[in-house]
Amino acid sequence: MQFFALLTRNTAKFGDADFAPLLPGEAERRRTLYAEGAVRQVWNRGDIPGSGMMFEASDDAEVRGHLATLPLIKAGMMDIAAIVPLNPYPGFGPKR
């Protein structure tokens, strides 16, 4: 099953200088999750600082487990705004 996780940087408590040292490790962990097949896609948010991540997982708990391994989440610098389970869109399949 696929899930969309919407993440928000905690800019009220942390500035750019706080985030900078953790970003290489954050990128590496996201690459690892992608290589392992847990993450399908990653986007930067266009509205506020943060990101969106598409996960392949069995349930919400598995997604939260993967997110808990991200350095920014561990440091309290990134918040989970939402985790949304996704269902296939039937409109592109055969008519019933």
PDB file of N, CA and C in Angstrom:
ATOM      1  N   MET A   1       0.850  -1.175   0.000  1.00  0.00           N
ATOM      2  CA  MET A   1       0.000   0.000   0.000  1.00  0.00           C
ATOM      3  C   MET A   1       0.898   1.241   0.000  1.00  0.00           C
ATOM      4  N   GLN A   2       0.400   2.292  -0.616  1.00  0.00           N
ATOM      5  CA  GLN A   2       1.176   3.526  -0.646  1.00  0.00           C
ATOM      6  C   GLN A   2       0.604   4.554   0.333  1.00  0.00           C
ATOM      7  N   PHE A   3       1.529   5.337   0.878  1.00  0.00           N
ATOM      8  CA  PHE A   3       1.191   6.401   1.817  1.00  0.00           C
ATOM      9  C   PHE A   3       1.929   7.660   1.402  1.00  0.00           C
ATOM     10  N   PHE A   4       1.282   8.810   1.620  1.00  0.00           N
ATOM     11  CA  PHE A   4       1.935  10.092   1.384  1.00  0.00           C
ATOM     12  C   PHE A   4       2.175  10.747   2.738  1.00  0.00           C
ATOM     13  N   ALA A   5       3.431  11.045   3.038  1.00  0.00           N
ATOM     14  CA  ALA A   5       3.783  11.725   4.288  1.00  0.00           C
ATOM     15  C   ALA A   5       4.124  13.175   3.975  1.00  0.00           C
ATOM     16  N   LEU A   6       3.463  14.076   4.657  1.00  0.00           N
ATOM     17  CA  LEU A   6       3.699  15.507   4.498  1.00  0.00           C
ATOM     18  C   LEU A   6       4.469  15.982   5.728  1.00  0.00           C
ATOM     19  N   LEU A   7       5.662  16.522   5.494  1.00  0.00           N
ATOM     20  CA  LEU A   7       6.556  16.924   6.574  1.00  0.00           C
ATOM     21  C   LEU A   7       6.786  18.429   6.550  1.00  0.00           C
ATOM     22  N   THR A   8       6.949  19.012   7.739  1.00  0.00           N
ATOM     23  CA  THR A   8       7.146  20.451   7.880  1.00  0.00           C
ATOM     24  C   THR A   8       8.373  20.719   8.744  1.00  0.00           C
ATOM     25  N   ARG A   9       9.272  21.566   8.243  1.00  0.00           N
ATOM     26  CA  ARG A   9      10.426  21.961   9.061  1.00  0.00           C
ATOM     27  C   ARG A   9       9.955  22.838  10.212  1.00  0.00           C
ATOM     28  N   ASN A  10      10.536  22.629  11.373  1.00  0.00           N
ATOM     29  CA  ASN A  10      10.196  23.408  12.553  1.00  0.00           C
ATOM     30  C   ASN A  10      11.026  24.697  12.557  1.00  0.00           C
ATOM     31  N   THR A  11      10.612  25.652  11.720  1.00  0.00           N
ATOM     32  CA  THR A  11      11.356  26.907  11.574  1.00  0.00           C
ATOM     33  C   THR A  11      11.075  27.897  12.706  1.00  0.00           C
ATOM     34  N   ALA A  12      10.074  27.607  13.539  1.00  0.00           N
ATOM     35  CA  ALA A  12       9.810  28.480  14.682  1.00  0.00           C
ATOM     36  C   ALA A  12      10.902  28.333  15.743  1.00  0.00           C
ATOM     37  N   LYS A  13      11.497  27.147  15.814  1.00  0.00           N
ATOM     38  CA  LYS A  13      12.522  26.882  16.827  1.00  0.00           C
ATOM     39  C   LYS A  13      13.937  26.821  16.266  1.00  0.00           C
ATOM     40  N   PHE A  14      14.067  26.562  14.955  1.00  0.00           N
ATOM     41  CA  PHE A  14      15.384  26.329  14.365  1.00  0.00           C
ATOM     42  C   PHE A  14      15.591  27.182  13.122  1.00  0.00           C
ATOM     43  N   GLY A  15      16.804  27.710  12.961  1.00  0.00           N
ATOM     44  CA  GLY A  15      17.160  28.503  11.785  1.00  0.00           C
ATOM     45  C   GLY A  15      17.966  27.685  10.792  1.00  0.00           C
ATOM     46  N   ASP A  16      18.282  28.302   9.662  1.00  0.00           N
ATOM     47  CA  ASP A  16      19.042  27.625   8.609  1.00  0.00           C
ATOM     48  C   ASP A  16      20.362  27.052   9.123  1.00  0.00           C
ATOM     49  N   ALA A  17      21.034  27.783   9.993  1.00  0.00           N
ATOM     50  CA  ALA A  17      22.321  27.320  10.525  1.00  0.00           C
ATOM     51  C   ALA A  17      22.164  26.052  11.363  1.00  0.00           C
ATOM     52  N   ASP A  18      20.997  25.878  11.983  1.00  0.00           N
ATOM     53  CA  ASP A  18      20.741  24.664  12.760  1.00  0.00           C
ATOM     54  C   ASP A  18      20.522  23.455  11.848  1.00  0.00           C
ATOM     55  N   PHE A  19      19.825  23.688  10.738  1.00  0.00           N
ATOM     56  CA  PHE A  19      19.517  22.594   9.812  1.00  0.00           C
ATOM     57  C   PHE A  19      20.744  22.136   9.027  1.00  0.00           C
ATOM     58  N   ALA A  20      21.601  23.069   8.656  1.00  0.00           N
ATOM     59  CA  ALA A  20      22.702  22.792   7.719  1.00  0.00           C
ATOM     60  C   ALA A  20      23.550  21.568   8.065  1.00  0.00           C
ATOM     61  N   PRO A  21      23.990  21.377   9.305  1.00  0.00           N
ATOM     62  CA  PRO A  21      24.859  20.226   9.575  1.00  0.00           C
ATOM     63  C   PRO A  21      24.159  18.874   9.433  1.00  0.00           C
ATOM     64  N   LEU A  22      22.832  18.871   9.550  1.00  0.00           N
ATOM     65  CA  LEU A  22      22.090  17.610   9.480  1.00  0.00           C
ATOM     66  C   LEU A  22      21.642  17.243   8.066  1.00  0.00           C
ATOM     67  N   LEU A  23      21.699  18.185   7.134  1.00  0.00           N
ATOM     68  CA  LEU A  23      21.158  17.938   5.792  1.00  0.00           C
ATOM     69  C   LEU A  23      21.883  16.840   5.012  1.00  0.00           C
ATOM     70  N   PRO A  24      23.206  16.730   5.065  1.00  0.00           N
ATOM     71  CA  PRO A  24      23.843  15.617   4.340  1.00  0.00           C
ATOM     72  C   PRO A  24      23.379  14.245   4.843  1.00  0.00           C
ATOM     73  N   GLY A  25      23.271  14.086   6.151  1.00  0.00           N
ATOM     74  CA  GLY A  25      22.787  12.826   6.715  1.00  0.00           C
ATOM     75  C   GLY A  25      21.333  12.565   6.383  1.00  0.00           C
ATOM     76  N   GLU A  26      20.541  13.629   6.344  1.00  0.00           N
ATOM     77  CA  GLU A  26      19.124  13.518   5.969  1.00  0.00           C
ATOM     78  C   GLU A  26      19.004  13.021   4.537  1.00  0.00           C
ATOM     79  N   ALA A  27      19.772  13.621   3.636  1.00  0.00           N
ATOM     80  CA  ALA A  27      19.735  13.211   2.229  1.00  0.00           C
ATOM     81  C   ALA A  27      20.196  11.763   2.075  1.00  0.00           C
ATOM     82  N   GLU A  28      21.231  11.385   2.792  1.00  0.00           N
ATOM     83  CA  GLU A  28      21.742  10.013   2.709  1.00  0.00           C
ATOM     84  C   GLU A  28      20.707   9.008   3.212  1.00  0.00           C
ATOM     85  N   ARG A  29      20.043   9.330   4.307  1.00  0.00           N
ATOM     86  CA  ARG A  29      19.026   8.411   4.843  1.00  0.00           C
ATOM     87  C   ARG A  29      17.853   8.282   3.878  1.00  0.00           C
ATOM     88  N   ARG A  30      17.449   9.373   3.252  1.00  0.00           N
ATOM     89  CA  ARG A  30      16.364   9.313   2.269  1.00  0.00           C
ATOM     90  C   ARG A  30      16.787   8.480   1.059  1.00  0.00           C
ATOM     91  N   ARG A  31      18.033   8.610   0.623  1.00  0.00           N
ATOM     92  CA  ARG A  31      18.534   7.774  -0.485  1.00  0.00           C
ATOM     93  C   ARG A  31      18.501   6.296  -0.102  1.00  0.00           C
ATOM     94  N   THR A  32      18.874   6.001   1.123  1.00  0.00           N
ATOM     95  CA  THR A  32      18.862   4.614   1.592  1.00  0.00           C
ATOM     96  C   THR A  32      17.442   4.062   1.617  1.00  0.00           C
ATOM     97  N   LEU A  33      16.494   4.829   2.130  1.00  0.00           N
ATOM     98  CA  LEU A  33      15.093   4.390   2.145  1.00  0.00           C
ATOM     99  C   LEU A  33      14.577   4.168   0.724  1.00  0.00           C
ATOM    100  N   TYR A  34      15.024   4.999  -0.211  1.00  0.00           N
ATOM    101  CA  TYR A  34      14.648   4.825  -1.619  1.00  0.00           C
ATOM    102  C   TYR A  34      15.259   3.533  -2.165  1.00  0.00           C
ATOM    103  N   ALA A  35      16.533   3.328  -1.912  1.00  0.00           N
ATOM    104  CA  ALA A  35      17.225   2.131  -2.410  1.00  0.00           C
ATOM    105  C   ALA A  35      16.627   0.853  -1.825  1.00  0.00           C
ATOM    106  N   GLU A  36      16.131   0.926  -0.600  1.00  0.00           N
ATOM    107  CA  GLU A  36      15.507  -0.227   0.053  1.00  0.00           C
ATOM    108  C   GLU A  36      14.084  -0.478  -0.441  1.00  0.00           C
ATOM    109  N   GLY A  37      13.523   0.467  -1.208  1.00  0.00           N
ATOM    110  CA  GLY A  37      12.168   0.312  -1.724  1.00  0.00           C
ATOM    111  C   GLY A  37      11.078   0.847  -0.818  1.00  0.00           C
ATOM    112  N   ALA A  38      11.445   1.455   0.303  1.00  0.00           N
ATOM    113  CA  ALA A  38      10.441   2.009   1.215  1.00  0.00           C
ATOM    114  C   ALA A  38       9.895   3.337   0.707  1.00  0.00           C
ATOM    115  N   VAL A  39      10.758   4.144   0.098  1.00  0.00           N
ATOM    116  CA  VAL A  39      10.358   5.452  -0.430  1.00  0.00           C
ATOM    117  C   VAL A  39      10.312   5.380  -1.944  1.00  0.00           C
ATOM    118  N   ARG A  40       9.202   5.863  -2.502  1.00  0.00           N
ATOM    119  CA  ARG A  40       9.036   5.890  -3.960  1.00  0.00           C
ATOM    120  C   ARG A  40       9.462   7.223  -4.560  1.00  0.00           C
ATOM    121  N   GLN A  41       9.066   8.314  -3.900  1.00  0.00           N
ATOM    122  CA  GLN A  41       9.344   9.655  -4.415  1.00  0.00           C
ATOM    123  C   GLN A  41       9.510  10.618  -3.246  1.00  0.00           C
ATOM    124  N   VAL A  42      10.268  11.691  -3.498  1.00  0.00           N
ATOM    125  CA  VAL A  42      10.462  12.746  -2.504  1.00  0.00           C
ATOM    126  C   VAL A  42      10.332  14.088  -3.214  1.00  0.00           C
ATOM    127  N   TRP A  43       9.619  15.008  -2.598  1.00  0.00           N
ATOM    128  CA  TRP A  43       9.481  16.370  -3.125  1.00  0.00           C
ATOM    129  C   TRP A  43       9.780  17.365  -2.021  1.00  0.00           C
ATOM    130  N   ASN A  44      10.253  18.538  -2.402  1.00  0.00           N
ATOM    131  CA  ASN A  44      10.281  19.674  -1.485  1.00  0.00           C
ATOM    132  C   ASN A  44       8.935  20.368  -1.584  1.00  0.00           C
ATOM    133  N   ARG A  45       8.423  20.831  -0.458  1.00  0.00           N
ATOM    134  CA  ARG A  45       7.156  21.549  -0.469  1.00  0.00           C
ATOM    135  C   ARG A  45       7.340  22.903  -1.134  1.00  0.00           C
ATOM    136  N   GLY A  46       6.329  23.355  -1.855  1.00  0.00           N
ATOM    137  CA  GLY A  46       6.373  24.645  -2.519  1.00  0.00           C
ATOM    138  C   GLY A  46       5.720  25.747  -1.716  1.00  0.00           C
ATOM    139  N   ASP A  47       5.004  25.374  -0.644  1.00  0.00           N
ATOM    140  CA  ASP A  47       4.287  26.378   0.139  1.00  0.00           C
ATOM    141  C   ASP A  47       5.078  26.837   1.365  1.00  0.00           C
ATOM    142  N   ILE A  48       5.639  25.909   2.096  1.00  0.00           N
ATOM    143  CA  ILE A  48       6.417  26.212   3.299  1.00  0.00           C
ATOM    144  C   ILE A  48       7.615  25.258   3.351  1.00  0.00           C
ATOM    145  N   PRO A  49       8.613  25.527   4.195  1.00  0.00           N
ATOM    146  CA  PRO A  49       9.751  24.606   4.280  1.00  0.00           C
ATOM    147  C   PRO A  49       9.313  23.221   4.767  1.00  0.00           C
ATOM    148  N   GLY A  50       9.694  22.232   4.023  1.00  0.00           N
ATOM    149  CA  GLY A  50       9.340  20.859   4.360  1.00  0.00           C
ATOM    150  C   GLY A  50       9.396  19.997   3.120  1.00  0.00           C
ATOM    151  N   SER A  51       8.827  18.817   3.218  1.00  0.00           N
ATOM    152  CA  SER A  51       8.854  17.906   2.080  1.00  0.00           C
ATOM    153  C   SER A  51       7.657  16.980   2.104  1.00  0.00           C
ATOM    154  N   GLY A  52       7.468  16.306   0.984  1.00  0.00           N
ATOM    155  CA  GLY A  52       6.476  15.251   0.857  1.00  0.00           C
ATOM    156  C   GLY A  52       7.192  13.992   0.424  1.00  0.00           C
ATOM    157  N   MET A  53       6.810  12.862   1.014  1.00  0.00           N
ATOM    158  CA  MET A  53       7.450  11.594   0.680  1.00  0.00           C
ATOM    159  C   MET A  53       6.385  10.539   0.420  1.00  0.00           C
ATOM    160  N   MET A  54       6.540   9.815  -0.681  1.00  0.00           N
ATOM    161  CA  MET A  54       5.646   8.717  -1.018  1.00  0.00           C
ATOM    162  C   MET A  54       6.289   7.424  -0.530  1.00  0.00           C
ATOM    163  N   PHE A  55       5.586   6.701   0.328  1.00  0.00           N
ATOM    164  CA  PHE A  55       6.091   5.457   0.901  1.00  0.00           C
ATOM    165  C   PHE A  55       5.326   4.251   0.382  1.00  0.00           C
ATOM    166  N   GLU A  56       6.012   3.143   0.291  1.00  0.00           N
ATOM    167  CA  GLU A  56       5.410   1.828   0.081  1.00  0.00           C
ATOM    168  C   GLU A  56       5.537   1.127   1.434  1.00  0.00           C
ATOM    169  N   ALA A  57       4.394   0.838   2.075  1.00  0.00           N
ATOM    170  CA  ALA A  57       4.419   0.251   3.418  1.00  0.00           C
ATOM    171  C   ALA A  57       3.139  -0.536   3.664  1.00  0.00           C
ATOM    172  N   SER A  58       3.169  -1.377   4.676  1.00  0.00           N
ATOM    173  CA  SER A  58       1.988  -2.177   4.993  1.00  0.00           C
ATOM    174  C   SER A  58       0.979  -1.403   5.827  1.00  0.00           C
ATOM    175  N   ASP A  59       1.457  -0.431   6.617  1.00  0.00           N
ATOM    176  CA  ASP A  59       0.537   0.348   7.443  1.00  0.00           C
ATOM    177  C   ASP A  59       1.199   1.651   7.911  1.00  0.00           C
ATOM    178  N   ASP A  60       0.403   2.460   8.589  1.00  0.00           N
ATOM    179  CA  ASP A  60       0.844   3.755   9.108  1.00  0.00           C
ATOM    180  C   ASP A  60       2.043   3.593  10.043  1.00  0.00           C
ATOM    181  N   ALA A  61       2.019   2.566  10.864  1.00  0.00           N
ATOM    182  CA  ALA A  61       3.103   2.345  11.820  1.00  0.00           C
ATOM    183  C   ALA A  61       4.436   2.115  11.112  1.00  0.00           C
ATOM    184  N   GLU A  62       4.409   1.408   9.994  1.00  0.00           N
ATOM    185  CA  GLU A  62       5.642   1.179   9.242  1.00  0.00           C
ATOM    186  C   GLU A  62       6.189   2.491   8.676  1.00  0.00           C
ATOM    187  N   VAL A  63       5.296   3.340   8.174  1.00  0.00           N
ATOM    188  CA  VAL A  63       5.716   4.652   7.665  1.00  0.00           C
ATOM    189  C   VAL A  63       6.347   5.466   8.793  1.00  0.00           C
ATOM    190  N   ARG A  64       5.688   5.509   9.935  1.00  0.00           N
ATOM    191  CA  ARG A  64       6.221   6.256  11.081  1.00  0.00           C
ATOM    192  C   ARG A  64       7.580   5.703  11.524  1.00  0.00           C
ATOM    193  N   GLY A  65       7.743   4.396  11.429  1.00  0.00           N
ATOM    194  CA  GLY A  65       9.028   3.788  11.759  1.00  0.00           C
ATOM    195  C   GLY A  65      10.134   4.259  10.833  1.00  0.00           C
ATOM    196  N   HIS A  66       9.832   4.330   9.532  1.00  0.00           N
ATOM    197  CA  HIS A  66      10.817   4.839   8.570  1.00  0.00           C
ATOM    198  C   HIS A  66      11.123   6.317   8.835  1.00  0.00           C
ATOM    199  N   LEU A  67      10.076   7.104   9.073  1.00  0.00           N
ATOM    200  CA  LEU A  67      10.277   8.533   9.322  1.00  0.00           C
ATOM    201  C   LEU A  67      11.112   8.769  10.577  1.00  0.00           C
ATOM    202  N   ALA A  68      10.949   7.918  11.567  1.00  0.00           N
ATOM    203  CA  ALA A  68      11.693   8.063  12.823  1.00  0.00           C
ATOM    204  C   ALA A  68      13.198   7.902  12.630  1.00  0.00           C
ATOM    205  N   THR A  69      13.617   7.349  11.490  1.00  0.00           N
ATOM    206  CA  THR A  69      15.053   7.179  11.225  1.00  0.00           C
ATOM    207  C   THR A  69      15.683   8.409  10.578  1.00  0.00           C
ATOM    208  N   LEU A  70      14.875   9.380  10.187  1.00  0.00           N
ATOM    209  CA  LEU A  70      15.406  10.584   9.546  1.00  0.00           C
ATOM    210  C   LEU A  70      16.052  11.505  10.589  1.00  0.00           C
ATOM    211  N   PRO A  71      17.259  11.994  10.332  1.00  0.00           N
ATOM    212  CA  PRO A  71      17.939  12.853  11.302  1.00  0.00           C
ATOM    213  C   PRO A  71      17.135  14.082  11.738  1.00  0.00           C
ATOM    214  N   LEU A  72      16.425  14.725  10.821  1.00  0.00           N
ATOM    215  CA  LEU A  72      15.664  15.923  11.198  1.00  0.00           C
ATOM    216  C   LEU A  72      14.486  15.577  12.103  1.00  0.00           C
ATOM    217  N   ILE A  73      13.862  14.431  11.887  1.00  0.00           N
ATOM    218  CA  ILE A  73      12.775  13.980  12.767  1.00  0.00           C
ATOM    219  C   ILE A  73      13.357  13.659  14.145  1.00  0.00           C
ATOM    220  N   LYS A  74      14.456  12.912  14.160  1.00  0.00           N
ATOM    221  CA  LYS A  74      15.103  12.549  15.434  1.00  0.00           C
ATOM    222  C   LYS A  74      15.455  13.781  16.258  1.00  0.00           C
ATOM    223  N   ALA A  75      15.913  14.836  15.590  1.00  0.00           N
ATOM    224  CA  ALA A  75      16.340  16.062  16.277  1.00  0.00           C
ATOM    225  C   ALA A  75      15.173  16.976  16.641  1.00  0.00           C
ATOM    226  N   GLY A  76      13.950  16.612  16.271  1.00  0.00           N
ATOM    227  CA  GLY A  76      12.797  17.463  16.543  1.00  0.00           C
ATOM    228  C   GLY A  76      12.721  18.679  15.645  1.00  0.00           C
ATOM    229  N   MET A  77      13.454  18.643  14.535  1.00  0.00           N
ATOM    230  CA  MET A  77      13.518  19.783  13.621  1.00  0.00           C
ATOM    231  C   MET A  77      12.535  19.662  12.460  1.00  0.00           C
ATOM    232  N   MET A  78      11.896  18.500  12.334  1.00  0.00           N
ATOM    233  CA  MET A  78      10.913  18.261  11.270  1.00  0.00           C
ATOM    234  C   MET A  78       9.714  17.589  11.931  1.00  0.00           C
ATOM    235  N   ASP A  79       8.528  18.090  11.617  1.00  0.00           N
ATOM    236  CA  ASP A  79       7.293  17.545  12.163  1.00  0.00           C
ATOM    237  C   ASP A  79       6.525  16.795  11.083  1.00  0.00           C
ATOM    238  N   ILE A  80       5.833  15.752  11.490  1.00  0.00           N
ATOM    239  CA  ILE A  80       4.961  15.009  10.579  1.00  0.00           C
ATOM    240  C   ILE A  80       3.606  15.709  10.586  1.00  0.00           C
ATOM    241  N   ALA A  81       3.278  16.387   9.494  1.00  0.00           N
ATOM    242  CA  ALA A  81       2.005  17.104   9.397  1.00  0.00           C
ATOM    243  C   ALA A  81       0.862  16.141   9.100  1.00  0.00           C
ATOM    244  N   ALA A  82       1.126  15.119   8.280  1.00  0.00           N
ATOM    245  CA  ALA A  82       0.083  14.152   7.920  1.00  0.00           C
ATOM    246  C   ALA A  82       0.712  12.922   7.293  1.00  0.00           C
ATOM    247  N   ILE A  83       0.066  11.790   7.515  1.00  0.00           N
ATOM    248  CA  ILE A  83       0.362  10.559   6.787  1.00  0.00           C
ATOM    249  C   ILE A  83      -0.967  10.085   6.219  1.00  0.00           C
ATOM    250  N   VAL A  84      -1.044  10.051   4.899  1.00  0.00           N
ATOM    251  CA  VAL A  84      -2.303   9.754   4.220  1.00  0.00           C
ATOM    252  C   VAL A  84      -2.191   8.428   3.476  1.00  0.00           C
ATOM    253  N   PRO A  85      -3.068   7.440   3.800  1.00  0.00           N
ATOM    254  CA  PRO A  85      -3.079   6.208   3.011  1.00  0.00           C
ATOM    255  C   PRO A  85      -3.711   6.488   1.648  1.00  0.00           C
ATOM    256  N   LEU A  86      -3.167   5.885   0.611  1.00  0.00           N
ATOM    257  CA  LEU A  86      -3.653   6.121  -0.748  1.00  0.00           C
ATOM    258  C   LEU A  86      -4.233   4.843  -1.346  1.00  0.00           C
ATOM    259  N   ASN A  87      -5.312   5.004  -2.101  1.00  0.00           N
ATOM    260  CA  ASN A  87      -5.927   3.904  -2.843  1.00  0.00           C
ATOM    261  C   ASN A  87      -5.754   4.162  -4.330  1.00  0.00           C
ATOM    262  N   PRO A  88      -5.720   3.106  -5.130  1.00  0.00           N
ATOM    263  CA  PRO A  88      -5.592   3.298  -6.579  1.00  0.00           C
ATOM    264  C   PRO A  88      -6.765   4.112  -7.132  1.00  0.00           C
ATOM    265  N   TYR A  89      -6.492   4.928  -8.114  1.00  0.00           N
ATOM    266  CA  TYR A  89      -7.526   5.701  -8.804  1.00  0.00           C
ATOM    267  C   TYR A  89      -8.097   4.833  -9.922  1.00  0.00           C
ATOM    268  N   PRO A  90      -9.402   4.525  -9.881  1.00  0.00           N
ATOM    269  CA  PRO A  90      -9.976   3.608 -10.869  1.00  0.00           C
ATOM    270  C   PRO A  90     -10.299   4.258 -12.213  1.00  0.00           C
ATOM    271  N   GLY A  91     -10.204   5.566 -12.319  1.00  0.00           N
ATOM    272  CA  GLY A  91     -10.613   6.269 -13.532  1.00  0.00           C
ATOM    273  C   GLY A  91      -9.788   5.968 -14.763  1.00  0.00           C
ATOM    274  N   PHE A  92      -8.585   5.438 -14.603  1.00  0.00           N
ATOM    275  CA  PHE A  92      -7.743   5.124 -15.753  1.00  0.00           C
ATOM    276  C   PHE A  92      -7.881   3.671 -16.196  1.00  0.00           C
ATOM    277  N   GLY A  93      -8.599   2.877 -15.437  1.00  0.00           N
ATOM    278  CA  GLY A  93      -8.773   1.466 -15.782  1.00  0.00           C
ATOM    279  C   GLY A  93      -9.953   1.273 -16.725  1.00  0.00           C
ATOM    280  N   PRO A  94     -10.270   0.011 -17.021  1.00  0.00           N
ATOM    281  CA  PRO A  94     -11.402  -0.273 -17.911  1.00  0.00           C
ATOM    282  C   PRO A  94     -12.721   0.201 -17.299  1.00  0.00           C
ATOM    283  N   LYS A  95     -13.646   0.607 -18.159  1.00  0.00           N
ATOM    284  CA  LYS A  95     -14.969   1.020 -17.688  1.00  0.00           C
ATOM    285  C   LYS A  95     -15.716  -0.208 -17.198  1.00  0.00           C
ATOM    286  N   ARG A  96     -16.492  -0.004 -16.167  1.00  0.00           N
ATOM    287  CA  ARG A  96     -17.265  -1.122 -15.591  1.00  0.00           C
ATOM    288  C   ARG A  96     -18.707  -1.021 -15.964  1.00  0.00           C
TER     289      ARG A  96
END
